[in-house]
């Protein structure tokens, strides 16, 4: 990826959480930024936040309404953004959703919706932007997964399915785009203090709360800094936070330890919940 100053970045899910924090950080470093999200209110607020961080009169900011699960809309809206601001040097796919629940209560429709947003949304944005990067023979794509993209977590069957898939998709994509000078990274943060997490916590099964407790809690700004640092260093797997990196290493080299610790947390929680 080129240095932020003077470059263009596209960010889905760019009106809150990790997406917005990344957009603000890039704006403060001199980049032009386009954020994409579903709600106009959020887009208006994000556009104002980016203006506050402007450091050069040449920077351009835009906020475009978009449902990443709609592949036709993604192609149309992102193609228009490329015509307006130019092909991005950086694409960050941060749009996503999680609705924790026991598997038997996850309807087919909910499972399908989660995959459409978290996985197909990534695919759709990459399909719209990657050809431009290949033509220029430069650029970088960051697909936001999660610690739940390499550790299966109680109560997150649909979410884990989508986020594990994002990791595999990104790994294969990296091999395809490398000959064209285009980099690919996958970001796997632990729980991050975002509006999305606040919504998740409203209905999260107690076992999910217990299992997630050891993963740590980061601020979106810390995750955004780790994301951009990882891109600069050309890293594929970006895992912010000490607890997250430890979990990644233990899961990779001693997966039975992770399973044992999580199973113990589930048993203890269920014992407390019994009447």
C-alpha atoms as a PDB file:
ATOM      1  CA  UNK A   1       0.000   0.000   0.000  1.00  0.00           C
ATOM      2  CA  UNK A   2       1.130   3.553  -0.708  1.00  0.00           C
ATOM      3  CA  UNK A   3       1.667   5.949   2.165  1.00  0.00           C
ATOM      4  CA  UNK A   4      -1.688   7.377   3.394  1.00  0.00           C
ATOM      5  CA  UNK A   5      -0.948  10.981   2.385  1.00  0.00           C
ATOM      6  CA  UNK A   6      -2.415  11.490  -1.077  1.00  0.00           C
ATOM      7  CA  UNK A   7      -3.865   7.983  -1.358  1.00  0.00           C
ATOM      8  CA  UNK A   8      -7.505   6.881  -1.432  1.00  0.00           C
ATOM      9  CA  UNK A   9      -9.094   4.402   0.990  1.00  0.00           C
ATOM     10  CA  UNK A  10     -12.494   2.687   0.791  1.00  0.00           C
ATOM     11  CA  UNK A  11     -13.960   1.440   4.083  1.00  0.00           C
ATOM     12  CA  UNK A  12     -17.161  -0.558   4.435  1.00  0.00           C
ATOM     13  CA  UNK A  13     -18.804  -0.357   7.835  1.00  0.00           C
ATOM     14  CA  UNK A  14     -17.048   2.980   8.072  1.00  0.00           C
ATOM     15  CA  UNK A  15     -19.528   4.845  10.260  1.00  0.00           C
ATOM     16  CA  UNK A  16     -18.789   3.219  13.620  1.00  0.00           C
ATOM     17  CA  UNK A  17     -16.370   1.031  15.515  1.00  0.00           C
ATOM     18  CA  UNK A  18     -13.212  -0.218  13.835  1.00  0.00           C
ATOM     19  CA  UNK A  19     -14.239   1.091  10.425  1.00  0.00           C
ATOM     20  CA  UNK A  20     -14.764   4.657  11.597  1.00  0.00           C
ATOM     21  CA  UNK A  21     -11.619   4.641  13.755  1.00  0.00           C
ATOM     22  CA  UNK A  22      -9.593   3.513  10.746  1.00  0.00           C
ATOM     23  CA  UNK A  23     -11.183   6.161   8.536  1.00  0.00           C
ATOM     24  CA  UNK A  24     -10.400   8.904  11.068  1.00  0.00           C
ATOM     25  CA  UNK A  25      -6.804   7.765  11.469  1.00  0.00           C
ATOM     26  CA  UNK A  26      -6.273   7.696   7.699  1.00  0.00           C
ATOM     27  CA  UNK A  27      -7.827  11.143   7.318  1.00  0.00           C
ATOM     28  CA  UNK A  28      -5.492  12.499   9.973  1.00  0.00           C
ATOM     29  CA  UNK A  29      -2.569  11.058   7.976  1.00  0.00           C
ATOM     30  CA  UNK A  30      -3.621  12.859   4.793  1.00  0.00           C
ATOM     31  CA  UNK A  31      -5.598  10.201   2.923  1.00  0.00           C
ATOM     32  CA  UNK A  32      -8.814  10.713   0.986  1.00  0.00           C
ATOM     33  CA  UNK A  33     -11.469   8.380   2.404  1.00  0.00           C
ATOM     34  CA  UNK A  34     -14.802   6.986   1.248  1.00  0.00           C
ATOM     35  CA  UNK A  35     -16.937   5.287   3.890  1.00  0.00           C
ATOM     36  CA  UNK A  36     -19.832   2.978   3.062  1.00  0.00           C
ATOM     37  CA  UNK A  37     -22.678   1.984   5.387  1.00  0.00           C
ATOM     38  CA  UNK A  38     -26.436   1.430   5.457  1.00  0.00           C
ATOM     39  CA  UNK A  39     -27.775   4.315   7.550  1.00  0.00           C
ATOM     40  CA  UNK A  40     -27.770   7.919   6.355  1.00  0.00           C
ATOM     41  CA  UNK A  41     -27.554   9.280   9.889  1.00  0.00           C
ATOM     42  CA  UNK A  42     -24.341   7.381  10.500  1.00  0.00           C
ATOM     43  CA  UNK A  43     -22.931   8.446   7.147  1.00  0.00           C
ATOM     44  CA  UNK A  44     -23.607  12.116   7.886  1.00  0.00           C
ATOM     45  CA  UNK A  45     -21.898  11.853  11.269  1.00  0.00           C
ATOM     46  CA  UNK A  46     -18.905  10.030   9.779  1.00  0.00           C
ATOM     47  CA  UNK A  47     -18.504  12.640   7.037  1.00  0.00           C
ATOM     48  CA  UNK A  48     -18.428  15.378   9.674  1.00  0.00           C
ATOM     49  CA  UNK A  49     -15.885  13.443  11.758  1.00  0.00           C
ATOM     50  CA  UNK A  50     -13.580  13.075   8.758  1.00  0.00           C
ATOM     51  CA  UNK A  51     -13.746  16.788   7.995  1.00  0.00           C
ATOM     52  CA  UNK A  52     -12.550  17.535  11.514  1.00  0.00           C
ATOM     53  CA  UNK A  53      -9.418  15.462  10.824  1.00  0.00           C
ATOM     54  CA  UNK A  54      -8.588  17.032   7.458  1.00  0.00           C
ATOM     55  CA  UNK A  55      -4.917  18.009   7.182  1.00  0.00           C
ATOM     56  CA  UNK A  56      -4.790  19.042   3.521  1.00  0.00           C
ATOM     57  CA  UNK A  57      -7.123  20.982   1.223  1.00  0.00           C
ATOM     58  CA  UNK A  58      -6.523  18.327  -1.433  1.00  0.00           C
ATOM     59  CA  UNK A  59      -8.116  15.551   0.598  1.00  0.00           C
ATOM     60  CA  UNK A  60     -11.536  14.332  -0.508  1.00  0.00           C
ATOM     61  CA  UNK A  61     -14.094  12.625   1.712  1.00  0.00           C
ATOM     62  CA  UNK A  62     -17.302  10.891   0.745  1.00  0.00           C
ATOM     63  CA  UNK A  63     -19.969   8.840   2.506  1.00  0.00           C
ATOM     64  CA  UNK A  64     -22.057   6.475   0.426  1.00  0.00           C
ATOM     65  CA  UNK A  65     -25.130   4.523   1.448  1.00  0.00           C
ATOM     66  CA  UNK A  66     -24.638   0.819   0.759  1.00  0.00           C
ATOM     67  CA  UNK A  67     -25.784  -2.627   1.867  1.00  0.00           C
ATOM     68  CA  UNK A  68     -22.736  -4.822   1.293  1.00  0.00           C
ATOM     69  CA  UNK A  69     -24.888  -7.941   1.004  1.00  0.00           C
ATOM     70  CA  UNK A  70     -26.383  -6.584  -2.253  1.00  0.00           C
ATOM     71  CA  UNK A  71     -23.741  -7.442  -4.844  1.00  0.00           C
ATOM     72  CA  UNK A  72     -25.336  -5.370  -7.609  1.00  0.00           C
ATOM     73  CA  UNK A  73     -25.472  -2.280  -5.402  1.00  0.00           C
ATOM     74  CA  UNK A  74     -21.890  -2.806  -4.247  1.00  0.00           C
ATOM     75  CA  UNK A  75     -20.638  -2.946  -7.808  1.00  0.00           C
ATOM     76  CA  UNK A  76     -22.624   0.140  -8.841  1.00  0.00           C
ATOM     77  CA  UNK A  77     -21.809   2.297  -5.804  1.00  0.00           C
ATOM     78  CA  UNK A  78     -18.121   1.389  -5.605  1.00  0.00           C
ATOM     79  CA  UNK A  79     -17.642   1.766  -9.352  1.00  0.00           C
ATOM     80  CA  UNK A  80     -19.100   5.268  -9.073  1.00  0.00           C
ATOM     81  CA  UNK A  81     -16.729   6.029  -6.194  1.00  0.00           C
ATOM     82  CA  UNK A  82     -13.763   4.867  -8.279  1.00  0.00           C
ATOM     83  CA  UNK A  83     -14.826   7.174 -11.104  1.00  0.00           C
ATOM     84  CA  UNK A  84     -15.180  10.070  -8.662  1.00  0.00           C
ATOM     85  CA  UNK A  85     -12.074   9.679  -6.492  1.00  0.00           C
ATOM     86  CA  UNK A  86      -9.942   7.095  -8.269  1.00  0.00           C
ATOM     87  CA  UNK A  87      -9.105   3.488  -7.457  1.00  0.00           C
ATOM     88  CA  UNK A  88      -8.332   2.962  -3.772  1.00  0.00           C
ATOM     89  CA  UNK A  89      -4.873   2.112  -2.505  1.00  0.00           C
ATOM     90  CA  UNK A  90      -6.579   0.483   0.490  1.00  0.00           C
ATOM     91  CA  UNK A  91      -9.852  -1.380   0.884  1.00  0.00           C
ATOM     92  CA  UNK A  92     -10.965  -2.205   4.430  1.00  0.00           C
ATOM     93  CA  UNK A  93     -13.944  -4.532   4.729  1.00  0.00           C
ATOM     94  CA  UNK A  94     -15.179  -3.741   8.238  1.00  0.00           C
ATOM     95  CA  UNK A  95     -18.933  -4.187   7.762  1.00  0.00           C
ATOM     96  CA  UNK A  96     -20.274  -7.035   9.855  1.00  0.00           C
ATOM     97  CA  UNK A  97     -22.849  -8.232  12.347  1.00  0.00           C
ATOM     98  CA  UNK A  98     -23.159 -10.683  15.216  1.00  0.00           C
ATOM     99  CA  UNK A  99     -26.299 -11.898  16.961  1.00  0.00           C
ATOM    100  CA  UNK A 100     -25.128 -14.380  19.618  1.00  0.00           C
ATOM    101  CA  UNK A 101     -27.564 -17.160  20.457  1.00  0.00           C
ATOM    102  CA  UNK A 102     -27.831 -20.895  21.010  1.00  0.00           C
ATOM    103  CA  UNK A 103     -27.668 -22.735  17.704  1.00  0.00           C
ATOM    104  CA  UNK A 104     -31.175 -24.190  17.944  1.00  0.00           C
ATOM    105  CA  UNK A 105     -32.533 -20.645  18.206  1.00  0.00           C
ATOM    106  CA  UNK A 106     -30.624 -19.410  15.148  1.00  0.00           C
ATOM    107  CA  UNK A 107     -33.142 -19.573  12.322  1.00  0.00           C
ATOM    108  CA  UNK A 108     -32.146 -20.365   8.771  1.00  0.00           C
ATOM    109  CA  UNK A 109     -32.918 -16.764   7.838  1.00  0.00           C
ATOM    110  CA  UNK A 110     -30.658 -15.375  10.550  1.00  0.00           C
ATOM    111  CA  UNK A 111     -27.835 -17.738   9.602  1.00  0.00           C
ATOM    112  CA  UNK A 112     -28.256 -16.760   5.962  1.00  0.00           C
ATOM    113  CA  UNK A 113     -28.271 -13.038   6.769  1.00  0.00           C
ATOM    114  CA  UNK A 114     -25.066 -13.352   8.799  1.00  0.00           C
ATOM    115  CA  UNK A 115     -23.271 -15.095   5.934  1.00  0.00           C
ATOM    116  CA  UNK A 116     -24.565 -12.549   3.416  1.00  0.00           C
ATOM    117  CA  UNK A 117     -23.227  -9.596   5.416  1.00  0.00           C
ATOM    118  CA  UNK A 118     -20.039 -10.996   6.941  1.00  0.00           C
ATOM    119  CA  UNK A 119     -18.807 -13.203   4.099  1.00  0.00           C
ATOM    120  CA  UNK A 120     -20.599 -12.240   0.900  1.00  0.00           C
ATOM    121  CA  UNK A 121     -20.218  -8.585   1.841  1.00  0.00           C
ATOM    122  CA  UNK A 122     -16.437  -9.050   1.829  1.00  0.00           C
ATOM    123  CA  UNK A 123     -16.609 -10.941  -1.456  1.00  0.00           C
ATOM    124  CA  UNK A 124     -18.764  -8.264  -3.061  1.00  0.00           C
ATOM    125  CA  UNK A 125     -16.476  -5.366  -2.145  1.00  0.00           C
ATOM    126  CA  UNK A 126     -13.361  -7.247  -3.221  1.00  0.00           C
ATOM    127  CA  UNK A 127     -14.989  -8.143  -6.544  1.00  0.00           C
ATOM    128  CA  UNK A 128     -15.745  -4.475  -7.172  1.00  0.00           C
ATOM    129  CA  UNK A 129     -12.299  -3.135  -6.261  1.00  0.00           C
ATOM    130  CA  UNK A 130      -9.674  -5.826  -6.913  1.00  0.00           C
ATOM    131  CA  UNK A 131      -9.720  -5.493 -10.721  1.00  0.00           C
ATOM    132  CA  UNK A 132      -8.724  -1.819 -10.397  1.00  0.00           C
ATOM    133  CA  UNK A 133      -5.872  -2.727  -8.052  1.00  0.00           C
ATOM    134  CA  UNK A 134      -4.691  -5.457 -10.413  1.00  0.00           C
ATOM    135  CA  UNK A 135      -4.660  -3.018 -13.306  1.00  0.00           C
ATOM    136  CA  UNK A 136      -2.553  -0.557 -11.300  1.00  0.00           C
ATOM    137  CA  UNK A 137      -0.477  -3.448  -9.899  1.00  0.00           C
ATOM    138  CA  UNK A 138      -0.680  -2.006  -6.402  1.00  0.00           C
ATOM    139  CA  UNK A 139      -3.005  -1.781  -3.417  1.00  0.00           C
ATOM    140  CA  UNK A 140      -3.914  -3.581  -0.242  1.00  0.00           C
ATOM    141  CA  UNK A 141      -7.092  -5.282   0.990  1.00  0.00           C
ATOM    142  CA  UNK A 142      -7.875  -5.826   4.667  1.00  0.00           C
ATOM    143  CA  UNK A 143     -10.757  -8.157   5.491  1.00  0.00           C
ATOM    144  CA  UNK A 144     -11.962  -7.864   9.071  1.00  0.00           C
ATOM    145  CA  UNK A 145     -12.532 -11.248  10.676  1.00  0.00           C
ATOM    146  CA  UNK A 146     -12.317 -11.814  14.439  1.00  0.00           C
ATOM    147  CA  UNK A 147     -10.722 -13.975  17.091  1.00  0.00           C
ATOM    148  CA  UNK A 148     -13.901 -15.967  16.417  1.00  0.00           C
ATOM    149  CA  UNK A 149     -12.423 -16.510  12.965  1.00  0.00           C
ATOM    150  CA  UNK A 150      -9.858 -18.919  14.394  1.00  0.00           C
ATOM    151  CA  UNK A 151     -11.507 -20.027  17.664  1.00  0.00           C
ATOM    152  CA  UNK A 152     -15.002 -21.503  17.654  1.00  0.00           C
ATOM    153  CA  UNK A 153     -16.986 -19.758  20.396  1.00  0.00           C
ATOM    154  CA  UNK A 154     -20.091 -20.988  22.212  1.00  0.00           C
ATOM    155  CA  UNK A 155     -23.206 -19.154  21.009  1.00  0.00           C
ATOM    156  CA  UNK A 156     -21.615 -17.842  17.810  1.00  0.00           C
ATOM    157  CA  UNK A 157     -22.203 -20.638  15.303  1.00  0.00           C
ATOM    158  CA  UNK A 158     -23.311 -18.422  12.426  1.00  0.00           C
ATOM    159  CA  UNK A 159     -20.782 -15.700  13.238  1.00  0.00           C
ATOM    160  CA  UNK A 160     -17.872 -18.149  13.532  1.00  0.00           C
ATOM    161  CA  UNK A 161     -18.885 -19.826  10.277  1.00  0.00           C
ATOM    162  CA  UNK A 162     -18.725 -16.485   8.496  1.00  0.00           C
ATOM    163  CA  UNK A 163     -15.514 -15.284  10.113  1.00  0.00           C
ATOM    164  CA  UNK A 164     -13.622 -18.571   9.661  1.00  0.00           C
ATOM    165  CA  UNK A 165     -14.665 -18.340   6.000  1.00  0.00           C
ATOM    166  CA  UNK A 166     -13.295 -14.793   5.748  1.00  0.00           C
ATOM    167  CA  UNK A 167      -9.880 -16.079   6.872  1.00  0.00           C
ATOM    168  CA  UNK A 168      -9.878 -18.852   4.272  1.00  0.00           C
ATOM    169  CA  UNK A 169     -11.140 -16.528   1.558  1.00  0.00           C
ATOM    170  CA  UNK A 170      -8.414 -14.017   2.392  1.00  0.00           C
ATOM    171  CA  UNK A 171      -5.670 -16.635   2.367  1.00  0.00           C
ATOM    172  CA  UNK A 172      -6.681 -17.874  -1.091  1.00  0.00           C
ATOM    173  CA  UNK A 173      -7.149 -14.318  -2.367  1.00  0.00           C
ATOM    174  CA  UNK A 174      -3.682 -13.384  -1.148  1.00  0.00           C
ATOM    175  CA  UNK A 175      -2.155 -16.066  -3.362  1.00  0.00           C
ATOM    176  CA  UNK A 176      -4.103 -14.892  -6.408  1.00  0.00           C
ATOM    177  CA  UNK A 177      -3.361 -11.184  -6.022  1.00  0.00           C
ATOM    178  CA  UNK A 178       0.288 -11.382  -4.949  1.00  0.00           C
ATOM    179  CA  UNK A 179       1.628 -11.607  -8.546  1.00  0.00           C
ATOM    180  CA  UNK A 180      -0.145  -8.321  -9.311  1.00  0.00           C
ATOM    181  CA  UNK A 181       1.474  -6.425  -6.443  1.00  0.00           C
ATOM    182  CA  UNK A 182      -1.738  -6.379  -4.382  1.00  0.00           C
ATOM    183  CA  UNK A 183      -1.485  -7.299  -0.710  1.00  0.00           C
ATOM    184  CA  UNK A 184      -4.133  -8.994   1.416  1.00  0.00           C
ATOM    185  CA  UNK A 185      -4.436  -9.044   5.206  1.00  0.00           C
ATOM    186  CA  UNK A 186      -7.016 -10.393   7.600  1.00  0.00           C
ATOM    187  CA  UNK A 187      -7.692  -8.584  10.878  1.00  0.00           C
ATOM    188  CA  UNK A 188      -8.702 -10.750  13.844  1.00  0.00           C
ATOM    189  CA  UNK A 189      -9.396  -8.507  16.843  1.00  0.00           C
ATOM    190  CA  UNK A 190     -10.750  -9.618  20.212  1.00  0.00           C
ATOM    191  CA  UNK A 191     -13.882  -7.981  21.611  1.00  0.00           C
ATOM    192  CA  UNK A 192     -13.723  -4.291  20.761  1.00  0.00           C
ATOM    193  CA  UNK A 193     -15.633  -1.520  22.530  1.00  0.00           C
ATOM    194  CA  UNK A 194     -18.024  -0.661  19.702  1.00  0.00           C
ATOM    195  CA  UNK A 195     -21.776  -0.054  19.335  1.00  0.00           C
ATOM    196  CA  UNK A 196     -21.981  -3.486  17.730  1.00  0.00           C
ATOM    197  CA  UNK A 197     -20.560  -5.161  20.821  1.00  0.00           C
ATOM    198  CA  UNK A 198     -22.989  -3.239  23.014  1.00  0.00           C
ATOM    199  CA  UNK A 199     -25.879  -4.617  20.950  1.00  0.00           C
ATOM    200  CA  UNK A 200     -24.458  -8.145  21.133  1.00  0.00           C
ATOM    201  CA  UNK A 201     -24.217  -7.983  24.906  1.00  0.00           C
ATOM    202  CA  UNK A 202     -27.948  -7.356  25.274  1.00  0.00           C
ATOM    203  CA  UNK A 203     -28.844 -10.958  24.434  1.00  0.00           C
ATOM    204  CA  UNK A 204     -25.553 -12.830  24.704  1.00  0.00           C
ATOM    205  CA  UNK A 205     -25.873 -16.295  26.324  1.00  0.00           C
ATOM    206  CA  UNK A 206     -24.102 -16.429  29.692  1.00  0.00           C
ATOM    207  CA  UNK A 207     -21.790 -19.153  28.397  1.00  0.00           C
ATOM    208  CA  UNK A 208     -20.689 -16.842  25.585  1.00  0.00           C
ATOM    209  CA  UNK A 209     -19.960 -14.097  28.100  1.00  0.00           C
ATOM    210  CA  UNK A 210     -17.851 -16.477  30.189  1.00  0.00           C
ATOM    211  CA  UNK A 211     -15.908 -17.874  27.243  1.00  0.00           C
ATOM    212  CA  UNK A 212     -15.204 -14.413  25.830  1.00  0.00           C
ATOM    213  CA  UNK A 213     -14.033 -12.958  29.131  1.00  0.00           C
ATOM    214  CA  UNK A 214     -10.416 -14.028  28.697  1.00  0.00           C
ATOM    215  CA  UNK A 215      -9.991 -12.480  25.265  1.00  0.00           C
ATOM    216  CA  UNK A 216      -9.571  -8.910  26.435  1.00  0.00           C
ATOM    217  CA  UNK A 217     -11.344  -5.726  25.345  1.00  0.00           C
ATOM    218  CA  UNK A 218      -9.744  -3.186  23.023  1.00  0.00           C
ATOM    219  CA  UNK A 219     -10.716   0.294  21.919  1.00  0.00           C
ATOM    220  CA  UNK A 220     -11.449   0.816  18.205  1.00  0.00           C
ATOM    221  CA  UNK A 221      -8.586   3.300  17.901  1.00  0.00           C
ATOM    222  CA  UNK A 222      -6.092   0.695  19.152  1.00  0.00           C
ATOM    223  CA  UNK A 223      -7.388  -1.843  16.626  1.00  0.00           C
ATOM    224  CA  UNK A 224      -7.190   0.735  13.811  1.00  0.00           C
ATOM    225  CA  UNK A 225      -3.574   1.524  14.666  1.00  0.00           C
ATOM    226  CA  UNK A 226      -2.741  -2.192  14.684  1.00  0.00           C
ATOM    227  CA  UNK A 227      -4.497  -2.603  11.333  1.00  0.00           C
ATOM    228  CA  UNK A 228      -2.481   0.113   9.615  1.00  0.00           C
ATOM    229  CA  UNK A 229       0.765  -1.022  11.234  1.00  0.00           C
ATOM    230  CA  UNK A 230       0.121  -4.543   9.993  1.00  0.00           C
ATOM    231  CA  UNK A 231      -0.507  -3.281   6.472  1.00  0.00           C
ATOM    232  CA  UNK A 232       2.722  -1.271   6.495  1.00  0.00           C
ATOM    233  CA  UNK A 233       4.628  -4.390   7.549  1.00  0.00           C
ATOM    234  CA  UNK A 234       2.935  -6.567   4.962  1.00  0.00           C
ATOM    235  CA  UNK A 235       1.462  -8.952   7.519  1.00  0.00           C
ATOM    236  CA  UNK A 236      -1.259 -11.365   6.505  1.00  0.00           C
ATOM    237  CA  UNK A 237      -2.659 -12.215   9.940  1.00  0.00           C
ATOM    238  CA  UNK A 238      -3.102  -9.112  12.099  1.00  0.00           C
ATOM    239  CA  UNK A 239      -4.139  -9.946  15.678  1.00  0.00           C
ATOM    240  CA  UNK A 240      -4.248  -6.852  17.916  1.00  0.00           C
ATOM    241  CA  UNK A 241      -3.696  -6.978  21.670  1.00  0.00           C
ATOM    242  CA  UNK A 242      -1.583  -9.206  23.880  1.00  0.00           C
ATOM    243  CA  UNK A 243      -4.463 -11.526  24.816  1.00  0.00           C
ATOM    244  CA  UNK A 244      -5.435 -11.906  21.182  1.00  0.00           C
ATOM    245  CA  UNK A 245      -1.925 -12.783  20.043  1.00  0.00           C
ATOM    246  CA  UNK A 246      -1.562 -15.276  22.875  1.00  0.00           C
ATOM    247  CA  UNK A 247      -4.853 -16.923  21.916  1.00  0.00           C
ATOM    248  CA  UNK A 248      -3.720 -17.116  18.286  1.00  0.00           C
ATOM    249  CA  UNK A 249      -0.443 -18.796  19.235  1.00  0.00           C
ATOM    250  CA  UNK A 250      -2.014 -21.246  21.672  1.00  0.00           C
ATOM    251  CA  UNK A 251      -4.783 -22.148  19.228  1.00  0.00           C
ATOM    252  CA  UNK A 252      -2.195 -22.719  16.521  1.00  0.00           C
ATOM    253  CA  UNK A 253       0.274 -24.811  18.512  1.00  0.00           C
ATOM    254  CA  UNK A 254      -1.829 -26.316  21.338  1.00  0.00           C
ATOM    255  CA  UNK A 255      -5.486 -26.258  20.258  1.00  0.00           C
ATOM    256  CA  UNK A 256      -6.560 -28.747  22.923  1.00  0.00           C
ATOM    257  CA  UNK A 257      -5.581 -26.227  25.602  1.00  0.00           C
ATOM    258  CA  UNK A 258      -7.985 -23.651  24.181  1.00  0.00           C
ATOM    259  CA  UNK A 259     -10.786 -26.211  23.994  1.00  0.00           C
ATOM    260  CA  UNK A 260     -10.187 -27.340  27.572  1.00  0.00           C
ATOM    261  CA  UNK A 261     -10.227 -23.796  28.963  1.00  0.00           C
ATOM    262  CA  UNK A 262     -13.390 -22.888  27.072  1.00  0.00           C
ATOM    263  CA  UNK A 263     -15.178 -26.103  28.032  1.00  0.00           C
ATOM    264  CA  UNK A 264     -14.377 -25.468  31.683  1.00  0.00           C
ATOM    265  CA  UNK A 265     -15.824 -21.947  31.471  1.00  0.00           C
ATOM    266  CA  UNK A 266     -19.009 -23.324  29.894  1.00  0.00           C
ATOM    267  CA  UNK A 267     -19.438 -26.020  32.557  1.00  0.00           C
ATOM    268  CA  UNK A 268     -18.949 -23.552  35.399  1.00  0.00           C
ATOM    269  CA  UNK A 269     -21.439 -21.116  33.915  1.00  0.00           C
ATOM    270  CA  UNK A 270     -24.071 -23.774  33.287  1.00  0.00           C
ATOM    271  CA  UNK A 271     -23.672 -25.078  36.841  1.00  0.00           C
ATOM    272  CA  UNK A 272     -24.370 -21.585  38.185  1.00  0.00           C
ATOM    273  CA  UNK A 273     -27.393 -21.206  35.920  1.00  0.00           C
ATOM    274  CA  UNK A 274     -29.091 -24.433  37.080  1.00  0.00           C
ATOM    275  CA  UNK A 275     -31.939 -23.877  39.572  1.00  0.00           C
END
